[in-house]
Amino acid sequence: AEKLQQGDRFPSLSLKLTNGSTLDFPGQMPGRYVALLFYKALVIVLLTAVAAYEELKDELKALDCTVITASVDTLENTQVMIEKSGASFDFAYGVTQAESEA
């Protein structure tokens, strides 16, 4: 799949969030901007990226930018990631490879 470019329409995507809700893109965009981070496994690089977004959360909020992390992992493994990262933003789980490449 090609990378999205500025001005491209976000593809349809339904994310199951760890808080029990579902977020449907692009209809339910939670802010003017969304930083959507996909990951396939718990890795140090991801923990570093999540920590960087967490440090910028006030600046991102001021820009009306919502951060969501999405994974192919199970709910249980995603909850481990949340605990290890200490992140305060939403996490989605159970994303298929096709959805992550859309």
C-alpha atoms as a PDB file:
ATOM      1  CA  ALA A   1       0.000   0.000   0.000  1.00  0.00           C
ATOM      2  CA  GLU A   2       1.125   3.537  -0.698  1.00  0.00           C
ATOM      3  CA  LYS A   3       1.829   5.959   2.120  1.00  0.00           C
ATOM      4  CA  LEU A   4      -0.784   8.577   2.803  1.00  0.00           C
ATOM      5  CA  GLN A   5       0.193  12.030   1.663  1.00  0.00           C
ATOM      6  CA  GLN A   6      -0.975  15.340   3.069  1.00  0.00           C
ATOM      7  CA  GLY A   7      -4.576  15.896   1.992  1.00  0.00           C
ATOM      8  CA  ASP A   8      -5.267  12.195   1.302  1.00  0.00           C
ATOM      9  CA  ARG A   9      -8.478  10.774   2.751  1.00  0.00           C
ATOM     10  CA  PHE A  10      -7.878   8.348   5.597  1.00  0.00           C
ATOM     11  CA  PRO A  11      -9.012   4.821   4.656  1.00  0.00           C
ATOM     12  CA  SER A  12     -11.924   3.170   6.461  1.00  0.00           C
ATOM     13  CA  LEU A  13     -10.700   1.413   9.578  1.00  0.00           C
ATOM     14  CA  SER A  14     -12.429   0.109  12.705  1.00  0.00           C
ATOM     15  CA  LEU A  15     -10.277  -0.130  15.827  1.00  0.00           C
ATOM     16  CA  LYS A  16     -11.125  -2.055  19.006  1.00  0.00           C
ATOM     17  CA  LEU A  17      -9.817   0.002  21.915  1.00  0.00           C
ATOM     18  CA  THR A  18      -8.640  -1.508  25.187  1.00  0.00           C
ATOM     19  CA  ASN A  19     -11.228   0.594  27.054  1.00  0.00           C
ATOM     20  CA  GLY A  20     -13.982  -1.490  25.407  1.00  0.00           C
ATOM     21  CA  SER A  21     -15.067   1.023  22.792  1.00  0.00           C
ATOM     22  CA  THR A  22     -14.640   0.961  19.020  1.00  0.00           C
ATOM     23  CA  LEU A  23     -13.314   3.822  16.933  1.00  0.00           C
ATOM     24  CA  ASP A  24     -14.322   3.966  13.260  1.00  0.00           C
ATOM     25  CA  PHE A  25     -12.151   6.006  10.912  1.00  0.00           C
ATOM     26  CA  PRO A  26     -12.577   8.394   9.276  1.00  0.00           C
ATOM     27  CA  GLY A  27     -16.110   9.057  10.576  1.00  0.00           C
ATOM     28  CA  GLN A  28     -15.172   9.200  14.255  1.00  0.00           C
ATOM     29  CA  MET A  29     -11.907  11.101  14.049  1.00  0.00           C
ATOM     30  CA  PRO A  30     -11.274  12.068  17.686  1.00  0.00           C
ATOM     31  CA  GLY A  31      -9.568  15.358  16.827  1.00  0.00           C
ATOM     32  CA  ARG A  32      -8.510  17.541  13.968  1.00  0.00           C
ATOM     33  CA  TYR A  33      -5.331  15.479  13.669  1.00  0.00           C
ATOM     34  CA  VAL A  34      -4.570  11.883  14.626  1.00  0.00           C
ATOM     35  CA  ALA A  35      -1.153  10.326  15.174  1.00  0.00           C
ATOM     36  CA  LEU A  36      -1.830   6.627  14.590  1.00  0.00           C
ATOM     37  CA  LEU A  37       1.095   4.401  15.580  1.00  0.00           C
ATOM     38  CA  PHE A  38       1.011   0.786  14.356  1.00  0.00           C
ATOM     39  CA  TYR A  39       3.236  -1.842  15.929  1.00  0.00           C
ATOM     40  CA  LYS A  40       3.569  -5.605  15.610  1.00  0.00           C
ATOM     41  CA  ALA A  41       5.433  -6.536  18.772  1.00  0.00           C
ATOM     42  CA  LEU A  42       6.657  -5.112  22.044  1.00  0.00           C
ATOM     43  CA  VAL A  43      10.059  -3.631  21.265  1.00  0.00           C
ATOM     44  CA  ILE A  44      12.364  -1.051  22.809  1.00  0.00           C
ATOM     45  CA  VAL A  45      12.045   1.219  19.762  1.00  0.00           C
ATOM     46  CA  LEU A  46       8.282   1.334  20.207  1.00  0.00           C
ATOM     47  CA  LEU A  47       8.567   2.050  23.921  1.00  0.00           C
ATOM     48  CA  THR A  48      10.877   4.949  23.045  1.00  0.00           C
ATOM     49  CA  ALA A  49       8.421   6.294  20.452  1.00  0.00           C
ATOM     50  CA  VAL A  50       5.480   5.994  22.855  1.00  0.00           C
ATOM     51  CA  ALA A  51       7.481   7.809  25.541  1.00  0.00           C
ATOM     52  CA  ALA A  52       8.275  10.622  23.086  1.00  0.00           C
ATOM     53  CA  TYR A  53       4.586  11.068  22.212  1.00  0.00           C
ATOM     54  CA  GLU A  54       3.710  10.974  25.900  1.00  0.00           C
ATOM     55  CA  GLU A  55       6.204  13.782  26.589  1.00  0.00           C
ATOM     56  CA  LEU A  56       4.557  15.865  23.856  1.00  0.00           C
ATOM     57  CA  LYS A  57       0.965  15.187  24.917  1.00  0.00           C
ATOM     58  CA  ASP A  58       0.269  18.750  26.065  1.00  0.00           C
ATOM     59  CA  GLU A  59       1.592  20.242  22.826  1.00  0.00           C
ATOM     60  CA  LEU A  60      -0.319  17.681  20.761  1.00  0.00           C
ATOM     61  CA  LYS A  61      -3.515  18.384  22.702  1.00  0.00           C
ATOM     62  CA  ALA A  62      -3.099  22.104  21.982  1.00  0.00           C
ATOM     63  CA  LEU A  63      -2.978  21.217  18.267  1.00  0.00           C
ATOM     64  CA  ASP A  64      -6.118  19.055  18.627  1.00  0.00           C
ATOM     65  CA  CYS A  65      -4.032  15.976  17.813  1.00  0.00           C
ATOM     66  CA  THR A  66      -5.060  12.641  19.307  1.00  0.00           C
ATOM     67  CA  VAL A  67      -2.509   9.827  19.665  1.00  0.00           C
ATOM     68  CA  ILE A  68      -3.674   6.246  19.202  1.00  0.00           C
ATOM     69  CA  THR A  69      -1.459   3.182  19.149  1.00  0.00           C
ATOM     70  CA  ALA A  70      -2.703   0.125  17.244  1.00  0.00           C
ATOM     71  CA  SER A  71      -1.395  -3.420  17.339  1.00  0.00           C
ATOM     72  CA  VAL A  72      -1.958  -6.873  15.910  1.00  0.00           C
ATOM     73  CA  ASP A  73      -1.529  -8.115  19.488  1.00  0.00           C
ATOM     74  CA  THR A  74      -4.232  -9.617  21.671  1.00  0.00           C
ATOM     75  CA  LEU A  75      -5.975  -7.513  24.283  1.00  0.00           C
ATOM     76  CA  GLU A  76      -3.842  -9.113  27.002  1.00  0.00           C
ATOM     77  CA  ASN A  77      -0.526  -8.373  25.249  1.00  0.00           C
ATOM     78  CA  THR A  78      -1.644  -4.831  24.457  1.00  0.00           C
ATOM     79  CA  GLN A  79      -2.436  -4.263  28.125  1.00  0.00           C
ATOM     80  CA  VAL A  80       1.127  -5.354  28.952  1.00  0.00           C
ATOM     81  CA  MET A  81       2.384  -2.742  26.484  1.00  0.00           C
ATOM     82  CA  ILE A  82       0.276  -0.062  28.170  1.00  0.00           C
ATOM     83  CA  GLU A  83       1.705  -1.002  31.565  1.00  0.00           C
ATOM     84  CA  LYS A  84       5.296  -1.037  30.295  1.00  0.00           C
ATOM     85  CA  SER A  85       4.975   2.252  28.432  1.00  0.00           C
ATOM     86  CA  GLY A  86       3.014   4.207  31.032  1.00  0.00           C
ATOM     87  CA  ALA A  87       1.193   5.920  28.168  1.00  0.00           C
ATOM     88  CA  SER A  88      -2.039   7.794  28.808  1.00  0.00           C
ATOM     89  CA  PHE A  89      -3.441   7.680  25.270  1.00  0.00           C
ATOM     90  CA  ASP A  90      -5.713   5.079  23.659  1.00  0.00           C
ATOM     91  CA  PHE A  91      -4.470   1.701  22.486  1.00  0.00           C
ATOM     92  CA  ALA A  92      -6.187  -0.504  19.916  1.00  0.00           C
ATOM     93  CA  TYR A  93      -5.631  -4.252  19.570  1.00  0.00           C
ATOM     94  CA  GLY A  94      -6.384  -7.072  17.150  1.00  0.00           C
ATOM     95  CA  VAL A  95      -5.623  -5.051  14.002  1.00  0.00           C
ATOM     96  CA  THR A  96      -5.119  -7.260  10.956  1.00  0.00           C
ATOM     97  CA  GLN A  97      -2.113  -6.901   8.682  1.00  0.00           C
ATOM     98  CA  ALA A  98      -4.416  -5.803   5.836  1.00  0.00           C
ATOM     99  CA  GLU A  99      -5.892  -3.056   8.043  1.00  0.00           C
ATOM    100  CA  SER A 100      -2.453  -1.810   9.069  1.00  0.00           C
ATOM    101  CA  GLU A 101      -1.368  -1.598   5.428  1.00  0.00           C
ATOM    102  CA  ALA A 102      -4.552   0.120   4.170  1.00  0.00           C
END
